[in-house]
Amino acid sequence: MIVVKRRSGRQSGEALPARTELAANNVFTFLTDAPAAVNANGAVWFKDSVLYGSTDKDVAAEFEIQLPGVTTLSAEDIVL
C-alpha cells in the first residue's frame, strides 16, 4: 500500500504490489527521477505533482496519483 503523509492528513491508495510477478504484497523503491532504464519494476517516482508507479518490467507507469499543489515529494513523505 502507498500512503501519502503530506499536507492535510493522510491519503491512502489501495494495496498495490510493487512487483506483479511476486505473489505477496511487496515494497516499492522511490526513484528521484523518472526511470531511464528498460526496467522500472517496483519503482515509484514524482514529477509535476503526480506520483507514478510501475509494477512490471518496462518504464511505463501502471498507475498515477495526482497530488495537486504538491511540488516536492521524497521517500520520507510516503510509506512504500
N, C-alpha and C. Protein backbone atom coordinates (compact mmCIF):
# COMPACT_ATOMS: atom_id res chain seq x y z
N MET A 1 0.84 -1.18 0.00
CA MET A 1 0.00 0.00 0.00
C MET A 1 0.88 1.23 0.00
N ILE A 2 0.46 2.25 -0.70
CA ILE A 2 1.16 3.52 -0.70
C ILE A 2 0.31 4.51 0.08
N VAL A 3 0.89 5.17 1.05
CA VAL A 3 0.19 6.19 1.83
C VAL A 3 0.98 7.48 1.73
N VAL A 4 0.34 8.56 1.31
CA VAL A 4 0.99 9.86 1.22
C VAL A 4 0.80 10.57 2.55
N LYS A 5 1.88 11.02 3.18
CA LYS A 5 1.83 11.62 4.51
C LYS A 5 2.00 13.13 4.47
N ARG A 6 1.39 13.79 3.51
CA ARG A 6 1.65 15.21 3.33
C ARG A 6 0.42 16.05 3.60
N ARG A 7 0.65 17.28 3.89
CA ARG A 7 -0.33 18.34 3.98
C ARG A 7 -1.52 18.00 4.86
N SER A 8 -2.72 17.98 4.31
CA SER A 8 -3.94 17.87 5.11
C SER A 8 -4.29 16.42 5.43
N GLY A 9 -3.54 15.82 6.32
CA GLY A 9 -3.82 14.46 6.73
C GLY A 9 -3.16 13.43 5.83
N ARG A 10 -3.77 12.26 5.76
CA ARG A 10 -3.20 11.15 5.02
C ARG A 10 -4.14 10.75 3.89
N GLN A 11 -3.59 10.52 2.74
CA GLN A 11 -4.34 9.98 1.62
C GLN A 11 -3.77 8.60 1.39
N SER A 12 -4.63 7.62 1.24
CA SER A 12 -4.09 6.27 1.02
C SER A 12 -4.61 5.70 -0.28
N GLY A 13 -3.78 4.91 -0.91
CA GLY A 13 -4.18 4.20 -2.11
C GLY A 13 -4.53 2.78 -1.74
N GLU A 14 -5.09 2.06 -2.68
CA GLU A 14 -5.36 0.66 -2.45
C GLU A 14 -4.05 -0.10 -2.33
N ALA A 15 -4.11 -1.28 -1.78
CA ALA A 15 -2.92 -2.11 -1.69
C ALA A 15 -2.47 -2.47 -3.10
N LEU A 16 -1.28 -2.05 -3.45
CA LEU A 16 -0.72 -2.29 -4.79
C LEU A 16 0.59 -3.03 -4.64
N PRO A 17 0.71 -4.20 -5.23
CA PRO A 17 2.00 -4.88 -5.17
C PRO A 17 3.02 -4.14 -6.03
N ALA A 18 4.23 -4.02 -5.55
CA ALA A 18 5.28 -3.34 -6.30
C ALA A 18 5.70 -4.14 -7.52
N ARG A 19 5.70 -5.44 -7.39
CA ARG A 19 6.13 -6.31 -8.49
C ARG A 19 5.05 -7.37 -8.70
N THR A 20 4.40 -7.32 -9.85
CA THR A 20 3.27 -8.20 -10.10
C THR A 20 3.64 -9.67 -10.23
N GLU A 21 4.91 -9.98 -10.51
CA GLU A 21 5.28 -11.38 -10.66
C GLU A 21 5.46 -12.09 -9.31
N LEU A 22 5.46 -11.33 -8.23
CA LEU A 22 5.58 -11.92 -6.90
C LEU A 22 4.19 -12.07 -6.29
N ALA A 23 3.96 -13.14 -5.57
CA ALA A 23 2.63 -13.44 -5.05
C ALA A 23 2.21 -12.51 -3.91
N ALA A 24 3.11 -12.16 -3.04
CA ALA A 24 2.77 -11.36 -1.86
C ALA A 24 2.88 -9.87 -2.15
N ASN A 25 2.25 -9.06 -1.30
CA ASN A 25 2.42 -7.61 -1.39
C ASN A 25 3.88 -7.30 -1.08
N ASN A 26 4.50 -6.39 -1.82
CA ASN A 26 5.92 -6.12 -1.66
C ASN A 26 6.19 -4.64 -1.81
N VAL A 27 7.39 -4.22 -1.49
CA VAL A 27 7.73 -2.80 -1.32
C VAL A 27 8.18 -2.15 -2.62
N PHE A 28 7.74 -0.89 -2.82
CA PHE A 28 8.20 -0.08 -3.94
C PHE A 28 9.54 0.57 -3.60
N THR A 29 10.28 0.93 -4.63
CA THR A 29 11.51 1.70 -4.50
C THR A 29 11.25 3.11 -5.02
N PHE A 30 11.62 4.13 -4.24
CA PHE A 30 11.41 5.52 -4.66
C PHE A 30 12.59 5.98 -5.49
N LEU A 31 12.32 6.45 -6.72
CA LEU A 31 13.37 7.00 -7.58
C LEU A 31 13.31 8.52 -7.53
N THR A 32 14.45 9.17 -7.58
CA THR A 32 14.46 10.63 -7.56
C THR A 32 14.12 11.23 -8.92
N ASP A 33 14.24 10.46 -9.98
CA ASP A 33 13.89 10.89 -11.34
C ASP A 33 13.10 9.79 -12.03
N ALA A 34 12.45 10.14 -13.12
CA ALA A 34 11.75 9.14 -13.92
C ALA A 34 12.76 8.09 -14.38
N PRO A 35 12.34 6.85 -14.49
CA PRO A 35 13.28 5.79 -14.88
C PRO A 35 13.76 5.96 -16.31
N ALA A 36 15.04 5.73 -16.51
CA ALA A 36 15.63 5.82 -17.85
C ALA A 36 15.98 4.44 -18.38
N ALA A 37 16.05 3.47 -17.50
CA ALA A 37 16.42 2.12 -17.89
C ALA A 37 15.22 1.40 -18.52
N VAL A 38 15.43 0.20 -18.96
CA VAL A 38 14.36 -0.56 -19.58
C VAL A 38 13.46 -1.26 -18.57
N ASN A 39 13.81 -1.22 -17.29
CA ASN A 39 13.03 -1.94 -16.28
C ASN A 39 12.84 -1.06 -15.04
N ALA A 40 11.62 -0.63 -14.80
CA ALA A 40 11.30 0.15 -13.60
C ALA A 40 10.40 -0.66 -12.68
N ASN A 41 10.55 -1.96 -12.71
CA ASN A 41 9.70 -2.87 -11.95
C ASN A 41 9.76 -2.55 -10.45
N GLY A 42 8.61 -2.24 -9.87
CA GLY A 42 8.55 -1.96 -8.44
C GLY A 42 9.03 -0.57 -8.06
N ALA A 43 9.00 0.38 -8.99
CA ALA A 43 9.51 1.72 -8.70
C ALA A 43 8.38 2.76 -8.72
N VAL A 44 8.53 3.80 -7.90
CA VAL A 44 7.66 4.97 -7.95
C VAL A 44 8.54 6.20 -8.10
N TRP A 45 8.00 7.24 -8.76
CA TRP A 45 8.73 8.49 -8.94
C TRP A 45 7.71 9.62 -9.00
N PHE A 46 8.19 10.85 -8.71
CA PHE A 46 7.32 12.02 -8.63
C PHE A 46 7.76 13.05 -9.65
N LYS A 47 6.77 13.57 -10.40
CA LYS A 47 7.06 14.61 -11.38
C LYS A 47 5.79 15.42 -11.63
N ASP A 48 5.91 16.74 -11.59
CA ASP A 48 4.81 17.65 -11.91
C ASP A 48 3.53 17.34 -11.12
N SER A 49 3.66 17.18 -9.82
CA SER A 49 2.53 16.94 -8.91
C SER A 49 1.84 15.59 -9.12
N VAL A 50 2.54 14.64 -9.71
CA VAL A 50 1.98 13.30 -9.93
C VAL A 50 2.98 12.26 -9.43
N LEU A 51 2.49 11.31 -8.64
CA LEU A 51 3.29 10.16 -8.21
C LEU A 51 2.99 9.02 -9.18
N TYR A 52 4.01 8.55 -9.87
CA TYR A 52 3.88 7.48 -10.86
C TYR A 52 4.42 6.19 -10.26
N GLY A 53 3.90 5.05 -10.72
CA GLY A 53 4.40 3.77 -10.27
C GLY A 53 4.38 2.72 -11.36
N SER A 54 5.40 1.90 -11.37
CA SER A 54 5.49 0.80 -12.32
C SER A 54 5.50 -0.52 -11.58
N THR A 55 4.71 -1.47 -12.06
CA THR A 55 4.64 -2.78 -11.42
C THR A 55 5.06 -3.91 -12.34
N ASP A 56 5.59 -3.56 -13.52
CA ASP A 56 6.06 -4.60 -14.42
C ASP A 56 7.42 -4.24 -15.00
N LYS A 57 7.87 -4.97 -15.97
CA LYS A 57 9.26 -4.86 -16.43
C LYS A 57 9.48 -3.89 -17.58
N ASP A 58 8.77 -2.76 -17.57
CA ASP A 58 9.06 -1.69 -18.53
C ASP A 58 9.16 -0.38 -17.76
N VAL A 59 9.32 0.74 -18.44
CA VAL A 59 9.44 2.03 -17.75
C VAL A 59 8.14 2.82 -17.75
N ALA A 60 7.09 2.29 -18.36
CA ALA A 60 5.80 2.98 -18.36
C ALA A 60 5.12 2.82 -17.00
N ALA A 61 4.45 3.87 -16.57
CA ALA A 61 3.73 3.82 -15.29
C ALA A 61 2.42 3.06 -15.45
N GLU A 62 2.15 2.16 -14.51
CA GLU A 62 0.88 1.45 -14.50
C GLU A 62 -0.17 2.21 -13.69
N PHE A 63 0.29 3.13 -12.82
CA PHE A 63 -0.66 3.97 -12.10
C PHE A 63 -0.08 5.35 -11.88
N GLU A 64 -0.98 6.31 -11.68
CA GLU A 64 -0.62 7.70 -11.39
C GLU A 64 -1.52 8.19 -10.26
N ILE A 65 -0.93 8.91 -9.31
CA ILE A 65 -1.71 9.53 -8.23
C ILE A 65 -1.45 11.02 -8.30
N GLN A 66 -2.47 11.78 -8.64
CA GLN A 66 -2.33 13.23 -8.73
C GLN A 66 -2.34 13.83 -7.34
N LEU A 67 -1.40 14.74 -7.08
CA LEU A 67 -1.26 15.41 -5.79
C LEU A 67 -1.25 16.92 -6.05
N PRO A 68 -2.41 17.51 -6.32
CA PRO A 68 -2.47 18.93 -6.66
C PRO A 68 -1.84 19.80 -5.58
N GLY A 69 -1.03 20.74 -6.01
CA GLY A 69 -0.37 21.67 -5.09
C GLY A 69 0.92 21.16 -4.49
N VAL A 70 1.22 19.88 -4.63
CA VAL A 70 2.47 19.32 -4.10
C VAL A 70 3.56 19.51 -5.15
N THR A 71 4.62 20.20 -4.76
CA THR A 71 5.70 20.48 -5.72
C THR A 71 6.94 19.63 -5.48
N THR A 72 7.08 19.08 -4.28
CA THR A 72 8.20 18.20 -3.99
C THR A 72 7.69 17.00 -3.20
N LEU A 73 8.35 15.89 -3.37
CA LEU A 73 7.99 14.67 -2.66
C LEU A 73 9.25 13.84 -2.54
N SER A 74 9.46 13.25 -1.39
CA SER A 74 10.63 12.38 -1.19
C SER A 74 10.16 11.07 -0.60
N ALA A 75 11.06 10.12 -0.50
CA ALA A 75 10.74 8.82 0.06
C ALA A 75 10.24 8.94 1.50
N GLU A 76 10.69 9.95 2.23
CA GLU A 76 10.26 10.14 3.62
C GLU A 76 8.81 10.61 3.70
N ASP A 77 8.25 11.10 2.61
CA ASP A 77 6.88 11.61 2.61
C ASP A 77 5.83 10.54 2.35
N ILE A 78 6.25 9.36 1.95
CA ILE A 78 5.30 8.31 1.64
C ILE A 78 5.72 7.01 2.30
N VAL A 79 4.74 6.17 2.57
CA VAL A 79 5.01 4.84 3.09
C VAL A 79 4.98 3.90 1.90
N LEU A 80 6.12 3.30 1.62
CA LEU A 80 6.19 2.38 0.49
C LEU A 80 5.94 1.01 0.99
